[in-house]
Amino acid sequence: MSVTLYVKNEAYSVPLEFDVHESIAAVKASYQKSGKVQGRADYIVLLHKGKELQDEKSIAEHGISDGAVLVHIETLHEPFHGVNYAHLADAIKQRRLHEHSNLRMMQQDNIWAAGEDGTVHQLGFDRSIISRMSVKPSAPPPPKASGRTFFNQLSVLVNGCSYHVLPSMEGRWNGELTSIPPHEEGTQVCSSELAYREEGAWHLRQMRTSISGLTTTQYCWIKPAADGILKVETDDPSLRGSDITMQEVGLNILIITATSKRTGRPVMVETITSIDNARRLRTVQRFDETGGFRSVYIMNEKRVVDAVSGAMERFDAATMGF
């Protein structure tokens, strides 16, 4: 389905036609190519109904309809470097094709059926071994349920978006926290608990306890936005007025970035690196709204595995006796 969008700046209203599944980066690339960009052409900020559009999300994901007007505004801050939106749009497109191909492969690999010899086979793409005999099922099929779908315990599908790193972080984690510059009370104890809620989001509770026994608690709500990308809401007062995004990188890394809506500069960057199923390292960089360095926190954590932790154990054939 194609739509016509109008990109408006101080001098022009540029009509552009796209497929609804194309990314905002593709919109910016076409606008860049039109030659009617006012101001910097290598860093474009577009608004729709007062909200800034994300490069990675598609036109449909933003809820943009045919005939919509996108406003190009000048930013108050300078970017770290210019952006080639044509290359960015192509990279996003190729990544989505790759992810959809992998997801389809996992769906196919997860289908099993009995052949004519009565042996159960993993089908993959081969349908020739399916028995043609009509067999009355011994029990009715389970009802279709809402929520999320697991594929080979590697990827999770939530609200149409696939994730593979965040689900492996579910459960409880405990560890020690050190900071730079160091706190007067020295090392603190830290713990966090991540749980999936059936309404289609994750709930995160983080606690820090000092030697004196003072405990601070922070709550976060993590909601799907696109494949490998999530939006984060928090009750942390220091991040009020910030746009917070979580992104999966590779197979073992989560990056959380909080950007000031007023200045456009990062105020918090957190990296979570999974070392193995039981260990991970978290680093949190804090800045003020002007980009000035404030502090760095380093948390060395271990998974808590007990009856109530909710931890997800990866499938291991060696432990199952196969």
C-alpha atoms as a PDB file:
ATOM      1  CA  MET A   1       0.000   0.000   0.000  1.00  0.00           C
ATOM      2  CA  SER A   2       1.447   3.337  -1.066  1.00  0.00           C
ATOM      3  CA  VAL A   3       0.866   6.725   0.549  1.00  0.00           C
ATOM      4  CA  THR A   4       1.715  10.287  -0.410  1.00  0.00           C
ATOM      5  CA  LEU A   5       3.376  12.353   2.311  1.00  0.00           C
ATOM      6  CA  TYR A   6       4.188  16.050   2.339  1.00  0.00           C
ATOM      7  CA  VAL A   7       7.443  17.161   3.956  1.00  0.00           C
ATOM      8  CA  LYS A   8       7.114  20.816   4.887  1.00  0.00           C
ATOM      9  CA  ASN A   9       9.878  23.288   5.704  1.00  0.00           C
ATOM     10  CA  GLU A  10      10.068  27.074   5.777  1.00  0.00           C
ATOM     11  CA  ALA A  11      10.108  27.368   1.972  1.00  0.00           C
ATOM     12  CA  TYR A  12       8.629  24.212   0.419  1.00  0.00           C
ATOM     13  CA  SER A  13       6.020  21.508   0.798  1.00  0.00           C
ATOM     14  CA  VAL A  14       7.585  18.476  -0.885  1.00  0.00           C
ATOM     15  CA  PRO A  15       5.214  15.644  -1.971  1.00  0.00           C
ATOM     16  CA  LEU A  16       6.780  12.183  -1.756  1.00  0.00           C
ATOM     17  CA  GLU A  17       5.312   8.713  -2.370  1.00  0.00           C
ATOM     18  CA  PHE A  18       6.216   5.635  -0.319  1.00  0.00           C
ATOM     19  CA  ASP A  19       5.121   2.164   0.662  1.00  0.00           C
ATOM     20  CA  VAL A  20       3.737   2.155   4.221  1.00  0.00           C
ATOM     21  CA  HIS A  21       6.347  -0.422   5.256  1.00  0.00           C
ATOM     22  CA  GLU A  22       9.297   1.811   4.344  1.00  0.00           C
ATOM     23  CA  SER A  23      11.295   3.341   7.178  1.00  0.00           C
ATOM     24  CA  ILE A  24      11.420   6.987   8.176  1.00  0.00           C
ATOM     25  CA  ALA A  25      15.072   6.909   7.091  1.00  0.00           C
ATOM     26  CA  ALA A  26      13.803   6.187   3.549  1.00  0.00           C
ATOM     27  CA  VAL A  27      11.489   9.212   3.804  1.00  0.00           C
ATOM     28  CA  LYS A  28      14.431  11.389   4.825  1.00  0.00           C
ATOM     29  CA  ALA A  29      16.544   9.944   1.997  1.00  0.00           C
ATOM     30  CA  SER A  30      13.919  10.908  -0.616  1.00  0.00           C
ATOM     31  CA  TYR A  31      13.531  14.331   0.965  1.00  0.00           C
ATOM     32  CA  GLN A  32      17.328  14.681   0.966  1.00  0.00           C
ATOM     33  CA  LYS A  33      17.405  13.710  -2.719  1.00  0.00           C
ATOM     34  CA  SER A  34      14.713  16.273  -3.648  1.00  0.00           C
ATOM     35  CA  GLY A  35      17.201  19.113  -3.187  1.00  0.00           C
ATOM     36  CA  LYS A  36      14.654  21.221  -1.292  1.00  0.00           C
ATOM     37  CA  VAL A  37      16.022  20.699   2.202  1.00  0.00           C
ATOM     38  CA  GLN A  38      16.428  23.926   4.165  1.00  0.00           C
ATOM     39  CA  GLY A  39      19.407  24.005   6.536  1.00  0.00           C
ATOM     40  CA  ARG A  40      21.522  20.907   7.159  1.00  0.00           C
ATOM     41  CA  ALA A  41      20.739  18.131   4.694  1.00  0.00           C
ATOM     42  CA  ASP A  42      22.841  15.548   6.544  1.00  0.00           C
ATOM     43  CA  TYR A  43      20.850  15.719   9.797  1.00  0.00           C
ATOM     44  CA  ILE A  44      17.060  15.894   9.440  1.00  0.00           C
ATOM     45  CA  VAL A  45      14.475  15.928  12.221  1.00  0.00           C
ATOM     46  CA  LEU A  46      10.876  15.291  11.133  1.00  0.00           C
ATOM     47  CA  LEU A  47       7.777  15.788  13.281  1.00  0.00           C
ATOM     48  CA  HIS A  48       4.302  14.302  12.851  1.00  0.00           C
ATOM     49  CA  LYS A  49       1.586  15.778  15.051  1.00  0.00           C
ATOM     50  CA  GLY A  50       4.263  17.275  17.283  1.00  0.00           C
ATOM     51  CA  LYS A  51       6.186  14.016  17.833  1.00  0.00           C
ATOM     52  CA  GLU A  52       9.656  13.293  16.487  1.00  0.00           C
ATOM     53  CA  LEU A  53       9.806  10.355  14.062  1.00  0.00           C
ATOM     54  CA  GLN A  54      12.336   7.558  14.627  1.00  0.00           C
ATOM     55  CA  ASP A  55      14.506   6.552  11.663  1.00  0.00           C
ATOM     56  CA  GLU A  56      14.196   2.791  12.285  1.00  0.00           C
ATOM     57  CA  LYS A  57      10.407   2.632  12.525  1.00  0.00           C
ATOM     58  CA  SER A  58       8.217   2.319   9.440  1.00  0.00           C
ATOM     59  CA  ILE A  59       5.533   4.727   8.254  1.00  0.00           C
ATOM     60  CA  ALA A  60       2.872   2.233   9.349  1.00  0.00           C
ATOM     61  CA  GLU A  61       4.436   1.763  12.796  1.00  0.00           C
ATOM     62  CA  HIS A  62       4.206   5.520  13.350  1.00  0.00           C
ATOM     63  CA  GLY A  63       0.512   5.452  12.375  1.00  0.00           C
ATOM     64  CA  ILE A  64       1.055   7.883   9.487  1.00  0.00           C
ATOM     65  CA  SER A  65      -1.716   7.856   6.870  1.00  0.00           C
ATOM     66  CA  ASP A  66      -2.032   9.029   3.265  1.00  0.00           C
ATOM     67  CA  GLY A  67      -1.779  12.805   2.839  1.00  0.00           C
ATOM     68  CA  ALA A  68      -0.061  13.389   6.186  1.00  0.00           C
ATOM     69  CA  VAL A  69       2.195  16.409   6.641  1.00  0.00           C
ATOM     70  CA  LEU A  70       5.653  15.911   8.160  1.00  0.00           C
ATOM     71  CA  VAL A  71       7.384  19.034   9.448  1.00  0.00           C
ATOM     72  CA  HIS A  72      11.144  19.491   9.081  1.00  0.00           C
ATOM     73  CA  ILE A  73      12.527  21.493  12.014  1.00  0.00           C
ATOM     74  CA  GLU A  74      15.968  22.872  12.772  1.00  0.00           C
ATOM     75  CA  THR A  75      17.591  21.472  15.925  1.00  0.00           C
ATOM     76  CA  LEU A  76      19.373  23.473  18.598  1.00  0.00           C
ATOM     77  CA  HIS A  77      22.256  21.025  18.866  1.00  0.00           C
ATOM     78  CA  GLU A  78      24.886  19.844  16.418  1.00  0.00           C
ATOM     79  CA  PRO A  79      25.018  16.098  15.614  1.00  0.00           C
ATOM     80  CA  PHE A  80      28.176  14.084  16.211  1.00  0.00           C
ATOM     81  CA  HIS A  81      28.407  13.496  12.438  1.00  0.00           C
ATOM     82  CA  GLY A  82      26.229  13.802   9.357  1.00  0.00           C
ATOM     83  CA  VAL A  83      23.907  11.029   8.197  1.00  0.00           C
ATOM     84  CA  ASN A  84      23.649   9.470   4.743  1.00  0.00           C
ATOM     85  CA  TYR A  85      19.967   8.534   4.913  1.00  0.00           C
ATOM     86  CA  ALA A  86      20.066   6.476   1.702  1.00  0.00           C
ATOM     87  CA  HIS A  87      22.695   4.153   3.216  1.00  0.00           C
ATOM     88  CA  LEU A  88      20.841   4.096   6.548  1.00  0.00           C
ATOM     89  CA  ALA A  89      17.519   3.224   4.883  1.00  0.00           C
ATOM     90  CA  ASP A  90      19.143   0.416   2.903  1.00  0.00           C
ATOM     91  CA  ALA A  91      20.806  -0.963   6.061  1.00  0.00           C
ATOM     92  CA  ILE A  92      17.463  -0.943   7.911  1.00  0.00           C
ATOM     93  CA  LYS A  93      15.744  -2.655   4.983  1.00  0.00           C
ATOM     94  CA  GLN A  94      18.406  -5.366   4.724  1.00  0.00           C
ATOM     95  CA  ARG A  95      18.344  -5.971   8.471  1.00  0.00           C
ATOM     96  CA  ARG A  96      14.561  -6.385   8.449  1.00  0.00           C
ATOM     97  CA  LEU A  97      14.708  -8.785   5.519  1.00  0.00           C
ATOM     98  CA  HIS A  98      17.361 -10.787   7.361  1.00  0.00           C
ATOM     99  CA  GLU A  99      15.339 -10.861  10.605  1.00  0.00           C
ATOM    100  CA  HIS A 100      12.122 -11.841   8.835  1.00  0.00           C
ATOM    101  CA  SER A 101      13.981 -14.579   6.971  1.00  0.00           C
ATOM    102  CA  ASN A 102      15.419 -15.907  10.245  1.00  0.00           C
ATOM    103  CA  LEU A 103      12.030 -15.724  11.945  1.00  0.00           C
ATOM    104  CA  ARG A 104      10.401 -17.625   9.094  1.00  0.00           C
ATOM    105  CA  MET A 105      13.162 -20.223   9.261  1.00  0.00           C
ATOM    106  CA  MET A 106      12.598 -20.672  12.998  1.00  0.00           C
ATOM    107  CA  GLN A 107       8.861 -21.032  12.446  1.00  0.00           C
ATOM    108  CA  GLN A 108       9.473 -23.673   9.797  1.00  0.00           C
ATOM    109  CA  ASP A 109      12.065 -25.508  11.907  1.00  0.00           C
ATOM    110  CA  ASN A 110       9.661 -25.666  14.828  1.00  0.00           C
ATOM    111  CA  ILE A 111       7.059 -27.725  12.878  1.00  0.00           C
ATOM    112  CA  TRP A 112       6.986 -31.491  13.451  1.00  0.00           C
ATOM    113  CA  ALA A 113       4.740 -34.166  11.957  1.00  0.00           C
ATOM    114  CA  ALA A 114       4.369 -37.941  11.774  1.00  0.00           C
ATOM    115  CA  GLY A 115       5.343 -39.668   8.531  1.00  0.00           C
ATOM    116  CA  GLU A 116       3.662 -42.698   6.998  1.00  0.00           C
ATOM    117  CA  ASP A 117       5.970 -44.985   8.963  1.00  0.00           C
ATOM    118  CA  GLY A 118       4.715 -43.486  12.217  1.00  0.00           C
ATOM    119  CA  THR A 119       8.021 -41.733  12.924  1.00  0.00           C
ATOM    120  CA  VAL A 120       7.906 -38.103  14.008  1.00  0.00           C
ATOM    121  CA  HIS A 121      10.030 -35.866  11.775  1.00  0.00           C
ATOM    122  CA  GLN A 122      11.095 -32.252  11.948  1.00  0.00           C
ATOM    123  CA  LEU A 123       9.657 -30.831   8.734  1.00  0.00           C
ATOM    124  CA  GLY A 124      11.564 -27.652   8.026  1.00  0.00           C
ATOM    125  CA  PHE A 125      10.610 -26.820   4.434  1.00  0.00           C
ATOM    126  CA  ASP A 126       9.934 -30.432   3.414  1.00  0.00           C
ATOM    127  CA  ARG A 127       6.251 -31.383   3.372  1.00  0.00           C
ATOM    128  CA  SER A 128       6.592 -34.634   1.378  1.00  0.00           C
ATOM    129  CA  ILE A 129       6.814 -36.868   4.459  1.00  0.00           C
ATOM    130  CA  ILE A 130       3.478 -35.807   5.945  1.00  0.00           C
ATOM    131  CA  SER A 131       1.140 -38.754   6.301  1.00  0.00           C
ATOM    132  CA  ARG A 132      -1.944 -38.571   4.080  1.00  0.00           C
ATOM    133  CA  MET A 133      -3.936 -40.835   6.412  1.00  0.00           C
ATOM    134  CA  SER A 134      -6.872 -39.183   8.133  1.00  0.00           C
ATOM    135  CA  VAL A 135      -6.353 -39.695  11.831  1.00  0.00           C
ATOM    136  CA  LYS A 136      -8.950 -38.576  14.321  1.00  0.00           C
ATOM    137  CA  PRO A 137      -7.219 -36.476  16.972  1.00  0.00           C
ATOM    138  CA  SER A 138      -7.371 -37.911  20.462  1.00  0.00           C
ATOM    139  CA  ALA A 139      -7.830 -34.465  22.001  1.00  0.00           C
ATOM    140  CA  PRO A 140      -9.045 -31.111  20.659  1.00  0.00           C
ATOM    141  CA  PRO A 141      -6.306 -28.637  19.722  1.00  0.00           C
ATOM    142  CA  PRO A 142      -5.493 -26.067  22.395  1.00  0.00           C
ATOM    143  CA  PRO A 143      -7.265 -22.715  21.972  1.00  0.00           C
ATOM    144  CA  LYS A 144      -5.294 -19.892  20.418  1.00  0.00           C
ATOM    145  CA  ALA A 145      -4.023 -17.600  23.159  1.00  0.00           C
ATOM    146  CA  SER A 146      -2.869 -14.009  23.091  1.00  0.00           C
ATOM    147  CA  GLY A 147       0.505 -12.947  24.406  1.00  0.00           C
ATOM    148  CA  ARG A 148       3.892 -13.898  23.043  1.00  0.00           C
ATOM    149  CA  THR A 149       5.172 -16.809  20.980  1.00  0.00           C
ATOM    150  CA  PHE A 150       8.488 -18.622  21.568  1.00  0.00           C
ATOM    151  CA  PHE A 151      10.556 -20.000  18.682  1.00  0.00           C
ATOM    152  CA  ASN A 152      13.129 -22.637  19.702  1.00  0.00           C
ATOM    153  CA  GLN A 153      13.640 -20.672  22.948  1.00  0.00           C
ATOM    154  CA  LEU A 154      15.863 -18.260  21.034  1.00  0.00           C
ATOM    155  CA  SER A 155      13.492 -15.526  19.885  1.00  0.00           C
ATOM    156  CA  VAL A 156      10.308 -14.162  21.409  1.00  0.00           C
ATOM    157  CA  LEU A 157       7.543 -12.461  19.434  1.00  0.00           C
ATOM    158  CA  VAL A 158       5.653  -9.715  21.322  1.00  0.00           C
ATOM    159  CA  ASN A 159       3.063  -7.532  19.589  1.00  0.00           C
ATOM    160  CA  GLY A 160       4.552  -8.460  16.211  1.00  0.00           C
ATOM    161  CA  CYS A 161       8.123  -7.539  17.257  1.00  0.00           C
ATOM    162  CA  SER A 162      10.899 -10.119  17.751  1.00  0.00           C
ATOM    163  CA  TYR A 163      13.423 -10.070  20.611  1.00  0.00           C
ATOM    164  CA  HIS A 164      16.187 -12.480  21.596  1.00  0.00           C
ATOM    165  CA  VAL A 165      18.411 -10.699  24.164  1.00  0.00           C
ATOM    166  CA  LEU A 166      15.914  -9.121  26.588  1.00  0.00           C
ATOM    167  CA  PRO A 167      14.008 -12.391  27.289  1.00  0.00           C
ATOM    168  CA  SER A 168      17.277 -14.048  28.354  1.00  0.00           C
ATOM    169  CA  MET A 169      17.644 -11.322  31.008  1.00  0.00           C
ATOM    170  CA  GLU A 170      14.363 -12.229  32.721  1.00  0.00           C
ATOM    171  CA  GLY A 171      14.576 -13.223  36.369  1.00  0.00           C
ATOM    172  CA  ARG A 172      16.467 -11.868  39.377  1.00  0.00           C
ATOM    173  CA  TRP A 173      20.078 -10.679  39.486  1.00  0.00           C
ATOM    174  CA  ASN A 174      22.252  -9.687  42.469  1.00  0.00           C
ATOM    175  CA  GLY A 175      25.687  -8.101  42.579  1.00  0.00           C
ATOM    176  CA  GLU A 176      27.945  -5.285  43.719  1.00  0.00           C
ATOM    177  CA  LEU A 177      28.026  -1.696  42.487  1.00  0.00           C
ATOM    178  CA  THR A 178      31.039   0.584  42.300  1.00  0.00           C
ATOM    179  CA  SER A 179      31.084   4.134  40.990  1.00  0.00           C
ATOM    180  CA  ILE A 180      33.424   6.716  39.494  1.00  0.00           C
ATOM    181  CA  PRO A 181      33.904   9.091  41.268  1.00  0.00           C
ATOM    182  CA  PRO A 182      33.614   6.709  44.257  1.00  0.00           C
ATOM    183  CA  HIS A 183      30.856   7.192  46.840  1.00  0.00           C
ATOM    184  CA  GLU A 184      31.839   7.944  50.418  1.00  0.00           C
ATOM    185  CA  GLU A 185      30.136   4.717  51.542  1.00  0.00           C
ATOM    186  CA  GLY A 186      32.106   2.619  49.064  1.00  0.00           C
ATOM    187  CA  THR A 187      30.700  -0.432  47.298  1.00  0.00           C
ATOM    188  CA  GLN A 188      26.927  -0.907  47.320  1.00  0.00           C
ATOM    189  CA  VAL A 189      24.774  -3.995  46.879  1.00  0.00           C
ATOM    190  CA  CYS A 190      22.519  -3.986  43.809  1.00  0.00           C
ATOM    191  CA  SER A 191      19.699  -6.225  42.647  1.00  0.00           C
ATOM    192  CA  SER A 192      17.237  -6.212  39.772  1.00  0.00           C
ATOM    193  CA  GLU A 193      14.205  -8.226  38.755  1.00  0.00           C
ATOM    194  CA  LEU A 194      12.823  -8.389  35.205  1.00  0.00           C
ATOM    195  CA  ALA A 195       9.454 -10.023  34.518  1.00  0.00           C
ATOM    196  CA  TYR A 196       7.197 -10.222  31.480  1.00  0.00           C
ATOM    197  CA  ARG A 197       3.594  -9.078  31.943  1.00  0.00           C
ATOM    198  CA  GLU A 198       0.732 -10.537  29.940  1.00  0.00           C
ATOM    199  CA  GLU A 199      -0.325  -7.070  28.740  1.00  0.00           C
ATOM    200  CA  GLY A 200       2.655  -7.225  26.385  1.00  0.00           C
ATOM    201  CA  ALA A 201       5.412  -5.411  28.293  1.00  0.00           C
ATOM    202  CA  TRP A 202       8.268  -6.088  30.698  1.00  0.00           C
ATOM    203  CA  HIS A 203       8.433  -4.750  34.251  1.00  0.00           C
ATOM    204  CA  LEU A 204      11.848  -3.997  35.766  1.00  0.00           C
ATOM    205  CA  ARG A 205      12.562  -3.286  39.439  1.00  0.00           C
ATOM    206  CA  GLN A 206      16.071  -2.174  40.428  1.00  0.00           C
ATOM    207  CA  MET A 207      17.344  -1.668  43.991  1.00  0.00           C
ATOM    208  CA  ARG A 208      20.579  -0.365  45.485  1.00  0.00           C
ATOM    209  CA  THR A 209      21.504  -0.738  49.160  1.00  0.00           C
ATOM    210  CA  SER A 210      24.354   1.138  50.839  1.00  0.00           C
ATOM    211  CA  ILE A 211      26.463  -0.096  53.757  1.00  0.00           C
ATOM    212  CA  SER A 212      24.344   2.053  56.089  1.00  0.00           C
ATOM    213  CA  GLY A 213      21.238   0.138  54.979  1.00  0.00           C
ATOM    214  CA  LEU A 214      19.659   2.897  52.868  1.00  0.00           C
ATOM    215  CA  THR A 215      17.803   1.353  49.908  1.00  0.00           C
ATOM    216  CA  THR A 216      16.663   3.131  46.753  1.00  0.00           C
ATOM    217  CA  THR A 217      14.210   1.488  44.358  1.00  0.00           C
ATOM    218  CA  GLN A 218      13.513   2.325  40.721  1.00  0.00           C
ATOM    219  CA  TYR A 219      10.771   0.926  38.480  1.00  0.00           C
ATOM    220  CA  CYS A 220      10.780   0.711  34.680  1.00  0.00           C
ATOM    221  CA  TRP A 221       8.208  -0.385  32.120  1.00  0.00           C
ATOM    222  CA  ILE A 222       9.654  -1.718  28.859  1.00  0.00           C
ATOM    223  CA  LYS A 223       7.355  -1.782  25.821  1.00  0.00           C
ATOM    224  CA  PRO A 224       7.901  -3.163  22.282  1.00  0.00           C
ATOM    225  CA  ALA A 225       8.528  -0.584  19.539  1.00  0.00           C
ATOM    226  CA  ALA A 226      10.119  -2.505  16.638  1.00  0.00           C
ATOM    227  CA  ASP A 227      12.244  -5.620  16.090  1.00  0.00           C
ATOM    228  CA  GLY A 228      15.042  -5.465  18.674  1.00  0.00           C
ATOM    229  CA  ILE A 229      13.976  -1.982  19.843  1.00  0.00           C
ATOM    230  CA  LEU A 230      11.894  -1.044  22.896  1.00  0.00           C
ATOM    231  CA  LYS A 231      10.707   2.132  24.614  1.00  0.00           C
ATOM    232  CA  VAL A 232      11.341   2.551  28.334  1.00  0.00           C
ATOM    233  CA  GLU A 233       9.305   4.479  30.907  1.00  0.00           C
ATOM    234  CA  THR A 234      10.722   5.028  34.394  1.00  0.00           C
ATOM    235  CA  ASP A 235       9.901   6.723  37.682  1.00  0.00           C
ATOM    236  CA  ASP A 236      13.524   7.906  38.041  1.00  0.00           C
ATOM    237  CA  PRO A 237      13.184  11.695  38.620  1.00  0.00           C
ATOM    238  CA  SER A 238      16.640  12.351  37.147  1.00  0.00           C
ATOM    239  CA  LEU A 239      15.397  11.036  33.777  1.00  0.00           C
ATOM    240  CA  ARG A 240      12.188  13.055  33.726  1.00  0.00           C
ATOM    241  CA  GLY A 241      11.853  14.810  30.370  1.00  0.00           C
ATOM    242  CA  SER A 242      14.008  12.224  28.599  1.00  0.00           C
ATOM    243  CA  ASP A 243      13.270   9.909  25.684  1.00  0.00           C
ATOM    244  CA  ILE A 244      14.512   6.426  26.674  1.00  0.00           C
ATOM    245  CA  THR A 245      15.188   3.680  24.124  1.00  0.00           C
ATOM    246  CA  MET A 246      16.453   0.124  24.600  1.00  0.00           C
ATOM    247  CA  GLN A 247      18.136  -1.698  21.713  1.00  0.00           C
ATOM    248  CA  GLU A 248      19.422  -5.248  21.320  1.00  0.00           C
ATOM    249  CA  VAL A 249      22.906  -5.483  19.798  1.00  0.00           C
ATOM    250  CA  GLY A 250      24.094  -8.860  18.575  1.00  0.00           C
ATOM    251  CA  LEU A 251      23.253 -11.852  20.746  1.00  0.00           C
ATOM    252  CA  ASN A 252      24.467 -10.681  24.159  1.00  0.00           C
ATOM    253  CA  ILE A 253      24.211  -6.902  24.539  1.00  0.00           C
ATOM    254  CA  LEU A 254      21.467  -4.434  25.503  1.00  0.00           C
ATOM    255  CA  ILE A 255      22.006  -0.679  25.201  1.00  0.00           C
ATOM    256  CA  ILE A 256      19.669   1.779  26.946  1.00  0.00           C
ATOM    257  CA  THR A 257      19.945   5.434  25.940  1.00  0.00           C
ATOM    258  CA  ALA A 258      18.141   8.339  27.622  1.00  0.00           C
ATOM    259  CA  THR A 259      18.180  11.547  25.567  1.00  0.00           C
ATOM    260  CA  SER A 260      17.088  14.944  26.838  1.00  0.00           C
ATOM    261  CA  LYS A 261      14.053  16.168  24.889  1.00  0.00           C
ATOM    262  CA  ARG A 262      15.153  19.751  25.518  1.00  0.00           C
ATOM    263  CA  THR A 263      18.766  19.624  24.341  1.00  0.00           C
ATOM    264  CA  GLY A 264      18.884  16.366  22.365  1.00  0.00           C
ATOM    265  CA  ARG A 265      21.990  15.245  24.261  1.00  0.00           C
ATOM    266  CA  PRO A 266      22.366  11.892  26.052  1.00  0.00           C
ATOM    267  CA  VAL A 267      21.867  12.053  29.827  1.00  0.00           C
ATOM    268  CA  MET A 268      22.242   8.308  30.488  1.00  0.00           C
ATOM    269  CA  VAL A 269      23.779   5.424  28.543  1.00  0.00           C
ATOM    270  CA  GLU A 270      23.549   1.926  30.031  1.00  0.00           C
ATOM    271  CA  THR A 271      25.176  -1.175  28.556  1.00  0.00           C
ATOM    272  CA  ILE A 272      24.219  -4.673  29.727  1.00  0.00           C
ATOM    273  CA  THR A 273      26.572  -7.417  28.553  1.00  0.00           C
ATOM    274  CA  SER A 274      25.607 -11.054  29.059  1.00  0.00           C
ATOM    275  CA  ILE A 275      28.760 -13.068  29.773  1.00  0.00           C
ATOM    276  CA  ASP A 276      26.927 -16.389  30.031  1.00  0.00           C
ATOM    277  CA  ASN A 277      23.606 -17.706  31.371  1.00  0.00           C
ATOM    278  CA  ALA A 278      24.501 -16.809  34.957  1.00  0.00           C
ATOM    279  CA  ARG A 279      26.709 -13.691  34.734  1.00  0.00           C
ATOM    280  CA  ARG A 280      26.397 -10.226  33.275  1.00  0.00           C
ATOM    281  CA  LEU A 281      28.083  -6.820  33.531  1.00  0.00           C
ATOM    282  CA  ARG A 282      26.232  -3.487  33.575  1.00  0.00           C
ATOM    283  CA  THR A 283      27.781  -0.062  33.093  1.00  0.00           C
ATOM    284  CA  VAL A 284      25.799   3.172  33.461  1.00  0.00           C
ATOM    285  CA  GLN A 285      27.167   6.518  32.252  1.00  0.00           C
ATOM    286  CA  ARG A 286      25.466   9.666  33.572  1.00  0.00           C
ATOM    287  CA  PHE A 287      25.663  13.151  32.024  1.00  0.00           C
ATOM    288  CA  ASP A 288      23.962  16.482  32.606  1.00  0.00           C
ATOM    289  CA  GLU A 289      21.714  18.036  29.945  1.00  0.00           C
ATOM    290  CA  THR A 290      24.623  19.930  28.401  1.00  0.00           C
ATOM    291  CA  GLY A 291      26.598  16.707  27.881  1.00  0.00           C
ATOM    292  CA  GLY A 292      28.907  17.175  30.869  1.00  0.00           C
ATOM    293  CA  PHE A 293      30.144  14.004  32.560  1.00  0.00           C
ATOM    294  CA  ARG A 294      28.703  13.241  36.014  1.00  0.00           C
ATOM    295  CA  SER A 295      29.465   9.635  36.970  1.00  0.00           C
ATOM    296  CA  VAL A 296      29.878   6.014  35.891  1.00  0.00           C
ATOM    297  CA  TYR A 297      28.387   3.017  37.692  1.00  0.00           C
ATOM    298  CA  ILE A 298      29.701  -0.532  37.229  1.00  0.00           C
ATOM    299  CA  MET A 299      27.604  -3.510  38.367  1.00  0.00           C
ATOM    300  CA  ASN A 300      28.920  -7.075  38.352  1.00  0.00           C
ATOM    301  CA  GLU A 301      25.845  -9.299  38.722  1.00  0.00           C
ATOM    302  CA  LYS A 302      24.960 -12.985  38.978  1.00  0.00           C
ATOM    303  CA  ARG A 303      21.630 -14.642  38.251  1.00  0.00           C
ATOM    304  CA  VAL A 304      19.533 -15.784  41.213  1.00  0.00           C
ATOM    305  CA  VAL A 305      17.987 -19.170  40.412  1.00  0.00           C
ATOM    306  CA  ASP A 306      15.326 -20.364  42.838  1.00  0.00           C
ATOM    307  CA  ALA A 307      11.661 -21.352  42.885  1.00  0.00           C
ATOM    308  CA  VAL A 308      10.397 -17.767  42.605  1.00  0.00           C
ATOM    309  CA  SER A 309      13.066 -16.058  40.514  1.00  0.00           C
ATOM    310  CA  GLY A 310      11.246 -16.471  37.217  1.00  0.00           C
ATOM    311  CA  ALA A 311      14.589 -17.037  35.512  1.00  0.00           C
ATOM    312  CA  MET A 312      14.484 -18.497  32.023  1.00  0.00           C
ATOM    313  CA  GLU A 313      16.787 -21.487  31.560  1.00  0.00           C
ATOM    314  CA  ARG A 314      18.136 -21.972  28.040  1.00  0.00           C
ATOM    315  CA  PHE A 315      17.454 -25.386  26.497  1.00  0.00           C
ATOM    316  CA  ASP A 316      20.507 -27.635  26.747  1.00  0.00           C
ATOM    317  CA  ALA A 317      20.270 -31.098  25.192  1.00  0.00           C
ATOM    318  CA  ALA A 318      23.201 -32.313  27.305  1.00  0.00           C
ATOM    319  CA  THR A 319      21.204 -31.830  30.505  1.00  0.00           C
ATOM    320  CA  MET A 320      18.087 -33.497  29.126  1.00  0.00           C
ATOM    321  CA  GLY A 321      19.661 -36.910  28.590  1.00  0.00           C
ATOM    322  CA  PHE A 322      19.632 -36.797  24.774  1.00  0.00           C
END
